[in-house]
C-alpha atoms as a PDB file:
ATOM      1  CA  UNK A   1      21.811   1.971  18.411  1.00  0.00           C
ATOM      2  CA  UNK A   2      18.376   0.727  19.543  1.00  0.00           C
ATOM      3  CA  UNK A   3      15.945  -0.721  17.030  1.00  0.00           C
ATOM      4  CA  UNK A   4      12.718   1.120  16.292  1.00  0.00           C
ATOM      5  CA  UNK A   5       9.797  -0.085  18.442  1.00  0.00           C
ATOM      6  CA  UNK A   6       7.112  -2.224  16.763  1.00  0.00           C
ATOM      7  CA  UNK A   7       4.627  -0.108  14.839  1.00  0.00           C
ATOM      8  CA  UNK A   8       7.119   2.744  14.363  1.00  0.00           C
ATOM      9  CA  UNK A   9       6.626   4.212  10.887  1.00  0.00           C
ATOM     10  CA  UNK A  10       9.351   6.860  11.010  1.00  0.00           C
ATOM     11  CA  UNK A  11      11.299   5.046   8.274  1.00  0.00           C
ATOM     12  CA  UNK A  12       8.240   4.165   6.162  1.00  0.00           C
ATOM     13  CA  UNK A  13       8.156   5.160   2.509  1.00  0.00           C
ATOM     14  CA  UNK A  14       4.738   6.365   1.420  1.00  0.00           C
ATOM     15  CA  UNK A  15       3.504   6.037  -2.166  1.00  0.00           C
ATOM     16  CA  UNK A  16       0.797   7.944  -3.982  1.00  0.00           C
ATOM     17  CA  UNK A  17      -2.166   6.121  -5.490  1.00  0.00           C
ATOM     18  CA  UNK A  18      -0.640   6.715  -8.937  1.00  0.00           C
ATOM     19  CA  UNK A  19       2.673   5.159  -7.834  1.00  0.00           C
ATOM     20  CA  UNK A  20       0.902   2.106  -6.395  1.00  0.00           C
ATOM     21  CA  UNK A  21      -1.148   1.760  -9.588  1.00  0.00           C
ATOM     22  CA  UNK A  22       2.012   1.904 -11.717  1.00  0.00           C
ATOM     23  CA  UNK A  23       3.754  -0.627  -9.468  1.00  0.00           C
ATOM     24  CA  UNK A  24       0.816  -3.061  -9.726  1.00  0.00           C
ATOM     25  CA  UNK A  25       0.130  -2.205 -13.385  1.00  0.00           C
ATOM     26  CA  UNK A  26      -3.520  -1.442 -12.678  1.00  0.00           C
ATOM     27  CA  UNK A  27      -5.603   1.725 -12.903  1.00  0.00           C
ATOM     28  CA  UNK A  28      -5.766   4.312 -10.133  1.00  0.00           C
ATOM     29  CA  UNK A  29      -9.467   3.469  -9.768  1.00  0.00           C
ATOM     30  CA  UNK A  30      -8.526  -0.125  -8.909  1.00  0.00           C
ATOM     31  CA  UNK A  31      -6.215   1.133  -6.145  1.00  0.00           C
ATOM     32  CA  UNK A  32      -8.968   3.429  -4.825  1.00  0.00           C
ATOM     33  CA  UNK A  33     -11.352   0.438  -4.764  1.00  0.00           C
ATOM     34  CA  UNK A  34      -8.812  -1.643  -2.823  1.00  0.00           C
ATOM     35  CA  UNK A  35      -8.387   1.183  -0.302  1.00  0.00           C
ATOM     36  CA  UNK A  36     -12.128   1.848   0.101  1.00  0.00           C
ATOM     37  CA  UNK A  37     -12.898  -1.889   0.460  1.00  0.00           C
ATOM     38  CA  UNK A  38     -10.270  -2.200   3.196  1.00  0.00           C
ATOM     39  CA  UNK A  39      -8.114  -4.604   1.180  1.00  0.00           C
ATOM     40  CA  UNK A  40      -5.171  -2.178   1.062  1.00  0.00           C
ATOM     41  CA  UNK A  41      -4.202  -0.062   4.074  1.00  0.00           C
ATOM     42  CA  UNK A  42      -3.829   3.654   3.395  1.00  0.00           C
ATOM     43  CA  UNK A  43      -3.519   6.959   5.205  1.00  0.00           C
ATOM     44  CA  UNK A  44      -5.694   9.873   4.212  1.00  0.00           C
ATOM     45  CA  UNK A  45      -3.732  13.107   3.814  1.00  0.00           C
ATOM     46  CA  UNK A  46      -6.088  15.947   3.061  1.00  0.00           C
ATOM     47  CA  UNK A  47      -8.112  14.806   0.065  1.00  0.00           C
ATOM     48  CA  UNK A  48      -5.627  12.172  -1.119  1.00  0.00           C
ATOM     49  CA  UNK A  49      -4.360   8.817   0.093  1.00  0.00           C
ATOM     50  CA  UNK A  50      -0.866   7.521   0.751  1.00  0.00           C
ATOM     51  CA  UNK A  51       0.030   3.838   0.947  1.00  0.00           C
ATOM     52  CA  UNK A  52       3.079   2.493   2.734  1.00  0.00           C
ATOM     53  CA  UNK A  53       5.333   0.723   0.258  1.00  0.00           C
ATOM     54  CA  UNK A  54       5.493  -2.208   2.684  1.00  0.00           C
ATOM     55  CA  UNK A  55       1.666  -2.499   2.674  1.00  0.00           C
ATOM     56  CA  UNK A  56       1.533  -2.458  -1.136  1.00  0.00           C
ATOM     57  CA  UNK A  57       4.196  -5.176  -1.321  1.00  0.00           C
ATOM     58  CA  UNK A  58       2.380  -7.255   1.315  1.00  0.00           C
ATOM     59  CA  UNK A  59      -0.894  -6.968  -0.613  1.00  0.00           C
ATOM     60  CA  UNK A  60       0.859  -8.280  -3.733  1.00  0.00           C
ATOM     61  CA  UNK A  61       2.414 -11.168  -1.771  1.00  0.00           C
ATOM     62  CA  UNK A  62      -0.992 -12.111  -0.302  1.00  0.00           C
ATOM     63  CA  UNK A  63      -2.611 -11.977  -3.743  1.00  0.00           C
ATOM     64  CA  UNK A  64      -0.430 -14.636  -5.368  1.00  0.00           C
ATOM     65  CA  UNK A  65      -2.084 -17.959  -5.980  1.00  0.00           C
ATOM     66  CA  UNK A  66      -1.036 -21.197  -7.583  1.00  0.00           C
ATOM     67  CA  UNK A  67      -2.867 -21.582 -10.881  1.00  0.00           C
ATOM     68  CA  UNK A  68      -1.391 -24.916 -11.737  1.00  0.00           C
END
């Protein structure tokens, strides 16, 4: 079976803002700020946003820093 072409999102899992907030242990307003500032990619569906799980995980990976 052929692999999905690059950029294909047919297998993507989309999360609500509330699910992303719970995953990151922050408020929904923080997630909205990240989306509106362009720091976290999201898709607008009607009046709400959906974030690909992969994008949320990538944001967390990029946000780690060495404090020591």
